[in-house]
């Protein structure tokens, strides 16, 4: 019984951290997308070219910063189902290389309604920003149709275990409609 009480207290505590006053969660739909995302702040839209392997792809992004974390949702249409697996893998490697990530925890990521590809993954990694300061990322890559998505939460500082709970709230808010 004591064991269950301890877990209940830990679960409640992490849930409360994910609902901190600095996080004002709201549903956001990227333009012309079947994906609905739960953001803790009003995101700005941006576009940029991302080098992946021997090509560059146009990436559309939604980005916002709240409570010391940067929340991103990025997508690119690869126009061909044959490019999905390679793009998922290259994007994951590019993200981890850019932040000079050490060992990372990679697990499969399955979003209901997304394509069941072995390269769809979720990663927790520690690395560095360009200025050398510490950075932790919780990121997931998945595909819908011919569009590849990356959802990520970047933490500049670890806030007593809150990062995992906040990231899980963000990822659990991703849904296809």
C-alpha atoms as a PDB file:
ATOM      1  CA  UNK A   1       0.000   0.000   0.000  1.00  0.00           C
ATOM      2  CA  UNK A   2       2.828   2.393   0.912  1.00  0.00           C
ATOM      3  CA  UNK A   3       4.414   1.675  -2.477  1.00  0.00           C
ATOM      4  CA  UNK A   4       1.228   2.769  -4.290  1.00  0.00           C
ATOM      5  CA  UNK A   5       0.982   5.940  -2.199  1.00  0.00           C
ATOM      6  CA  UNK A   6       4.570   6.858  -3.074  1.00  0.00           C
ATOM      7  CA  UNK A   7       3.906   6.389  -6.801  1.00  0.00           C
ATOM      8  CA  UNK A   8       0.659   8.374  -6.562  1.00  0.00           C
ATOM      9  CA  UNK A   9       2.487  11.292  -4.932  1.00  0.00           C
ATOM     10  CA  UNK A  10       5.280  11.197  -7.550  1.00  0.00           C
ATOM     11  CA  UNK A  11       2.775  11.050 -10.409  1.00  0.00           C
ATOM     12  CA  UNK A  12       0.690  13.901  -9.011  1.00  0.00           C
ATOM     13  CA  UNK A  13       3.814  15.989  -8.434  1.00  0.00           C
ATOM     14  CA  UNK A  14       5.088  15.532 -11.989  1.00  0.00           C
ATOM     15  CA  UNK A  15       1.619  16.290 -13.368  1.00  0.00           C
ATOM     16  CA  UNK A  16       1.463  19.518 -11.428  1.00  0.00           C
ATOM     17  CA  UNK A  17       4.883  20.541 -12.753  1.00  0.00           C
ATOM     18  CA  UNK A  18       3.595  20.095 -16.302  1.00  0.00           C
ATOM     19  CA  UNK A  19       0.750  22.486 -15.450  1.00  0.00           C
ATOM     20  CA  UNK A  20       2.878  25.266 -14.018  1.00  0.00           C
ATOM     21  CA  UNK A  21       1.622  28.880 -14.287  1.00  0.00           C
ATOM     22  CA  UNK A  22       4.257  29.563 -16.974  1.00  0.00           C
ATOM     23  CA  UNK A  23       2.573  27.048 -19.297  1.00  0.00           C
ATOM     24  CA  UNK A  24      -0.745  28.082 -20.853  1.00  0.00           C
ATOM     25  CA  UNK A  25      -1.627  25.023 -22.971  1.00  0.00           C
ATOM     26  CA  UNK A  26      -3.716  25.475 -26.137  1.00  0.00           C
ATOM     27  CA  UNK A  27      -4.505  23.490 -29.302  1.00  0.00           C
ATOM     28  CA  UNK A  28      -2.707  24.672 -32.449  1.00  0.00           C
ATOM     29  CA  UNK A  29      -3.085  23.330 -35.987  1.00  0.00           C
ATOM     30  CA  UNK A  30      -0.252  23.926 -38.456  1.00  0.00           C
ATOM     31  CA  UNK A  31      -1.554  25.394 -41.726  1.00  0.00           C
ATOM     32  CA  UNK A  32      -2.882  22.768 -44.150  1.00  0.00           C
ATOM     33  CA  UNK A  33      -2.091  19.886 -41.810  1.00  0.00           C
ATOM     34  CA  UNK A  34      -4.159  17.074 -40.306  1.00  0.00           C
ATOM     35  CA  UNK A  35      -2.056  17.376 -37.119  1.00  0.00           C
ATOM     36  CA  UNK A  36      -3.292  19.129 -33.986  1.00  0.00           C
ATOM     37  CA  UNK A  37      -0.654  20.006 -31.381  1.00  0.00           C
ATOM     38  CA  UNK A  38      -0.902  21.153 -27.776  1.00  0.00           C
ATOM     39  CA  UNK A  39       1.415  24.136 -27.221  1.00  0.00           C
ATOM     40  CA  UNK A  40       2.061  25.840 -23.853  1.00  0.00           C
ATOM     41  CA  UNK A  41       2.280  29.267 -25.517  1.00  0.00           C
ATOM     42  CA  UNK A  42       1.251  30.987 -28.751  1.00  0.00           C
ATOM     43  CA  UNK A  43       3.731  29.776 -31.394  1.00  0.00           C
ATOM     44  CA  UNK A  44       5.268  31.876 -34.153  1.00  0.00           C
ATOM     45  CA  UNK A  45       5.464  30.448 -37.669  1.00  0.00           C
ATOM     46  CA  UNK A  46       8.741  30.295 -39.574  1.00  0.00           C
ATOM     47  CA  UNK A  47      10.349  28.554 -42.536  1.00  0.00           C
ATOM     48  CA  UNK A  48      13.948  27.592 -43.207  1.00  0.00           C
ATOM     49  CA  UNK A  49      16.008  25.314 -45.379  1.00  0.00           C
ATOM     50  CA  UNK A  50      17.436  22.325 -43.554  1.00  0.00           C
ATOM     51  CA  UNK A  51      20.380  20.380 -45.021  1.00  0.00           C
ATOM     52  CA  UNK A  52      19.612  16.652 -44.922  1.00  0.00           C
ATOM     53  CA  UNK A  53      22.217  14.417 -46.483  1.00  0.00           C
ATOM     54  CA  UNK A  54      23.039  15.724 -49.959  1.00  0.00           C
ATOM     55  CA  UNK A  55      19.888  17.838 -50.267  1.00  0.00           C
ATOM     56  CA  UNK A  56      18.122  20.761 -48.610  1.00  0.00           C
ATOM     57  CA  UNK A  57      14.461  20.614 -47.640  1.00  0.00           C
ATOM     58  CA  UNK A  58      12.096  23.467 -46.829  1.00  0.00           C
ATOM     59  CA  UNK A  59      10.933  23.074 -43.236  1.00  0.00           C
ATOM     60  CA  UNK A  60       7.867  24.858 -41.879  1.00  0.00           C
ATOM     61  CA  UNK A  61       7.960  25.422 -38.122  1.00  0.00           C
ATOM     62  CA  UNK A  62       5.851  26.529 -35.217  1.00  0.00           C
ATOM     63  CA  UNK A  63       8.000  27.733 -32.308  1.00  0.00           C
ATOM     64  CA  UNK A  64       7.371  29.211 -28.879  1.00  0.00           C
ATOM     65  CA  UNK A  65       9.241  29.610 -25.614  1.00  0.00           C
ATOM     66  CA  UNK A  66       7.654  29.121 -22.206  1.00  0.00           C
ATOM     67  CA  UNK A  67       8.934  28.486 -18.709  1.00  0.00           C
ATOM     68  CA  UNK A  68      12.558  28.120 -19.826  1.00  0.00           C
ATOM     69  CA  UNK A  69      11.840  25.642 -22.636  1.00  0.00           C
ATOM     70  CA  UNK A  70      11.615  25.972 -26.417  1.00  0.00           C
ATOM     71  CA  UNK A  71       8.735  24.075 -28.045  1.00  0.00           C
ATOM     72  CA  UNK A  72       8.918  23.311 -31.764  1.00  0.00           C
ATOM     73  CA  UNK A  73       6.840  21.517 -34.346  1.00  0.00           C
ATOM     74  CA  UNK A  74       8.468  21.272 -37.756  1.00  0.00           C
ATOM     75  CA  UNK A  75       7.403  19.579 -40.972  1.00  0.00           C
ATOM     76  CA  UNK A  76       8.513  19.016 -44.515  1.00  0.00           C
ATOM     77  CA  UNK A  77       6.689  17.429 -47.432  1.00  0.00           C
ATOM     78  CA  UNK A  78       9.074  15.000 -49.135  1.00  0.00           C
ATOM     79  CA  UNK A  79       6.557  14.465 -51.997  1.00  0.00           C
ATOM     80  CA  UNK A  80       7.318  10.743 -52.204  1.00  0.00           C
ATOM     81  CA  UNK A  81       6.640   7.869 -49.822  1.00  0.00           C
ATOM     82  CA  UNK A  82       9.959   6.332 -50.867  1.00  0.00           C
ATOM     83  CA  UNK A  83      11.829   9.215 -49.170  1.00  0.00           C
ATOM     84  CA  UNK A  84      10.085   9.002 -45.791  1.00  0.00           C
ATOM     85  CA  UNK A  85      12.335   6.493 -44.003  1.00  0.00           C
ATOM     86  CA  UNK A  86      15.552   8.171 -45.156  1.00  0.00           C
ATOM     87  CA  UNK A  87      14.291  11.647 -44.216  1.00  0.00           C
ATOM     88  CA  UNK A  88      13.244  10.514 -40.732  1.00  0.00           C
ATOM     89  CA  UNK A  89      16.674   8.989 -40.119  1.00  0.00           C
ATOM     90  CA  UNK A  90      18.652  11.917 -41.581  1.00  0.00           C
ATOM     91  CA  UNK A  91      16.639  14.500 -39.622  1.00  0.00           C
ATOM     92  CA  UNK A  92      17.190  12.669 -36.328  1.00  0.00           C
ATOM     93  CA  UNK A  93      20.932  12.411 -36.986  1.00  0.00           C
ATOM     94  CA  UNK A  94      21.161  16.079 -38.053  1.00  0.00           C
ATOM     95  CA  UNK A  95      19.432  17.263 -34.868  1.00  0.00           C
ATOM     96  CA  UNK A  96      21.682  15.222 -32.591  1.00  0.00           C
ATOM     97  CA  UNK A  97      24.833  16.176 -34.509  1.00  0.00           C
ATOM     98  CA  UNK A  98      23.978  19.888 -34.424  1.00  0.00           C
ATOM     99  CA  UNK A  99      23.673  19.862 -30.630  1.00  0.00           C
ATOM    100  CA  UNK A 100      26.744  17.635 -30.224  1.00  0.00           C
ATOM    101  CA  UNK A 101      24.649  15.116 -28.320  1.00  0.00           C
ATOM    102  CA  UNK A 102      26.394  12.372 -26.422  1.00  0.00           C
ATOM    103  CA  UNK A 103      24.594   9.125 -25.749  1.00  0.00           C
ATOM    104  CA  UNK A 104      20.881   9.376 -26.379  1.00  0.00           C
ATOM    105  CA  UNK A 105      17.888   7.276 -25.468  1.00  0.00           C
ATOM    106  CA  UNK A 106      16.081   6.301 -28.701  1.00  0.00           C
ATOM    107  CA  UNK A 107      12.709   4.530 -28.583  1.00  0.00           C
ATOM    108  CA  UNK A 108      10.015   3.868 -31.197  1.00  0.00           C
ATOM    109  CA  UNK A 109       7.336   6.561 -31.527  1.00  0.00           C
ATOM    110  CA  UNK A 110       3.848   5.618 -32.671  1.00  0.00           C
ATOM    111  CA  UNK A 111       1.297   8.373 -33.077  1.00  0.00           C
ATOM    112  CA  UNK A 112      -2.207   7.053 -33.717  1.00  0.00           C
ATOM    113  CA  UNK A 113      -2.933   7.536 -37.413  1.00  0.00           C
ATOM    114  CA  UNK A 114       0.701   8.178 -38.409  1.00  0.00           C
ATOM    115  CA  UNK A 115       2.599   5.786 -40.657  1.00  0.00           C
ATOM    116  CA  UNK A 116       4.092   2.798 -38.830  1.00  0.00           C
ATOM    117  CA  UNK A 117       7.699   3.220 -39.931  1.00  0.00           C
ATOM    118  CA  UNK A 118      10.634   1.729 -37.989  1.00  0.00           C
ATOM    119  CA  UNK A 119      12.449   5.084 -38.301  1.00  0.00           C
ATOM    120  CA  UNK A 120       9.663   6.920 -36.413  1.00  0.00           C
ATOM    121  CA  UNK A 121      11.374   7.532 -33.113  1.00  0.00           C
ATOM    122  CA  UNK A 122      11.490   9.449 -29.872  1.00  0.00           C
ATOM    123  CA  UNK A 123      14.787  10.650 -28.437  1.00  0.00           C
ATOM    124  CA  UNK A 124      15.966  12.143 -25.173  1.00  0.00           C
ATOM    125  CA  UNK A 125      19.478  13.543 -25.508  1.00  0.00           C
ATOM    126  CA  UNK A 126      21.858  15.882 -23.743  1.00  0.00           C
ATOM    127  CA  UNK A 127      24.196  18.115 -25.686  1.00  0.00           C
ATOM    128  CA  UNK A 128      25.201  21.732 -26.076  1.00  0.00           C
ATOM    129  CA  UNK A 129      23.971  24.948 -27.644  1.00  0.00           C
ATOM    130  CA  UNK A 130      26.326  26.704 -30.078  1.00  0.00           C
ATOM    131  CA  UNK A 131      27.610  28.817 -27.141  1.00  0.00           C
ATOM    132  CA  UNK A 132      28.614  25.640 -25.277  1.00  0.00           C
ATOM    133  CA  UNK A 133      25.923  25.782 -22.577  1.00  0.00           C
ATOM    134  CA  UNK A 134      24.023  22.615 -21.685  1.00  0.00           C
ATOM    135  CA  UNK A 135      20.956  21.592 -23.657  1.00  0.00           C
ATOM    136  CA  UNK A 136      18.526  18.691 -23.245  1.00  0.00           C
ATOM    137  CA  UNK A 137      16.090  17.745 -25.998  1.00  0.00           C
ATOM    138  CA  UNK A 138      13.027  15.520 -25.989  1.00  0.00           C
ATOM    139  CA  UNK A 139      12.138  14.978 -29.655  1.00  0.00           C
ATOM    140  CA  UNK A 140       9.936  12.769 -31.807  1.00  0.00           C
ATOM    141  CA  UNK A 141       9.930  12.178 -35.567  1.00  0.00           C
ATOM    142  CA  UNK A 142       6.991  10.660 -37.453  1.00  0.00           C
ATOM    143  CA  UNK A 143       5.320  10.732 -40.870  1.00  0.00           C
ATOM    144  CA  UNK A 144       1.803  11.293 -42.158  1.00  0.00           C
ATOM    145  CA  UNK A 145       1.201  10.850 -45.881  1.00  0.00           C
ATOM    146  CA  UNK A 146       4.346  12.273 -47.488  1.00  0.00           C
ATOM    147  CA  UNK A 147       4.981  14.767 -44.672  1.00  0.00           C
ATOM    148  CA  UNK A 148       7.675  14.208 -42.067  1.00  0.00           C
ATOM    149  CA  UNK A 149       7.233  15.893 -38.674  1.00  0.00           C
ATOM    150  CA  UNK A 150       9.582  16.659 -35.798  1.00  0.00           C
ATOM    151  CA  UNK A 151       8.103  17.684 -32.452  1.00  0.00           C
ATOM    152  CA  UNK A 152      10.676  18.791 -29.897  1.00  0.00           C
ATOM    153  CA  UNK A 153      11.130  20.440 -26.527  1.00  0.00           C
ATOM    154  CA  UNK A 154      14.540  21.963 -25.769  1.00  0.00           C
ATOM    155  CA  UNK A 155      15.508  22.652 -22.165  1.00  0.00           C
ATOM    156  CA  UNK A 156      18.420  24.962 -21.338  1.00  0.00           C
ATOM    157  CA  UNK A 157      18.298  23.883 -17.720  1.00  0.00           C
ATOM    158  CA  UNK A 158      16.952  20.856 -15.945  1.00  0.00           C
ATOM    159  CA  UNK A 159      14.224  21.897 -13.545  1.00  0.00           C
ATOM    160  CA  UNK A 160      14.103  19.105 -10.960  1.00  0.00           C
ATOM    161  CA  UNK A 161      12.663  16.416 -13.202  1.00  0.00           C
ATOM    162  CA  UNK A 162       9.976  18.652 -14.680  1.00  0.00           C
ATOM    163  CA  UNK A 163      11.363  18.362 -18.201  1.00  0.00           C
ATOM    164  CA  UNK A 164      10.102  14.798 -18.679  1.00  0.00           C
ATOM    165  CA  UNK A 165       6.598  15.664 -17.488  1.00  0.00           C
ATOM    166  CA  UNK A 166       6.394  18.799 -19.639  1.00  0.00           C
ATOM    167  CA  UNK A 167       7.674  16.938 -22.719  1.00  0.00           C
ATOM    168  CA  UNK A 168       5.173  14.107 -22.165  1.00  0.00           C
ATOM    169  CA  UNK A 169       2.328  16.631 -21.936  1.00  0.00           C
ATOM    170  CA  UNK A 170       3.480  18.129 -25.231  1.00  0.00           C
ATOM    171  CA  UNK A 171       3.824  14.763 -27.008  1.00  0.00           C
ATOM    172  CA  UNK A 172       0.532  13.413 -25.655  1.00  0.00           C
ATOM    173  CA  UNK A 173      -1.159  16.504 -27.130  1.00  0.00           C
ATOM    174  CA  UNK A 174      -0.159  15.520 -30.689  1.00  0.00           C
ATOM    175  CA  UNK A 175      -3.127  14.028 -32.536  1.00  0.00           C
ATOM    176  CA  UNK A 176      -4.296  13.548 -36.086  1.00  0.00           C
ATOM    177  CA  UNK A 177      -7.763  14.570 -37.180  1.00  0.00           C
END
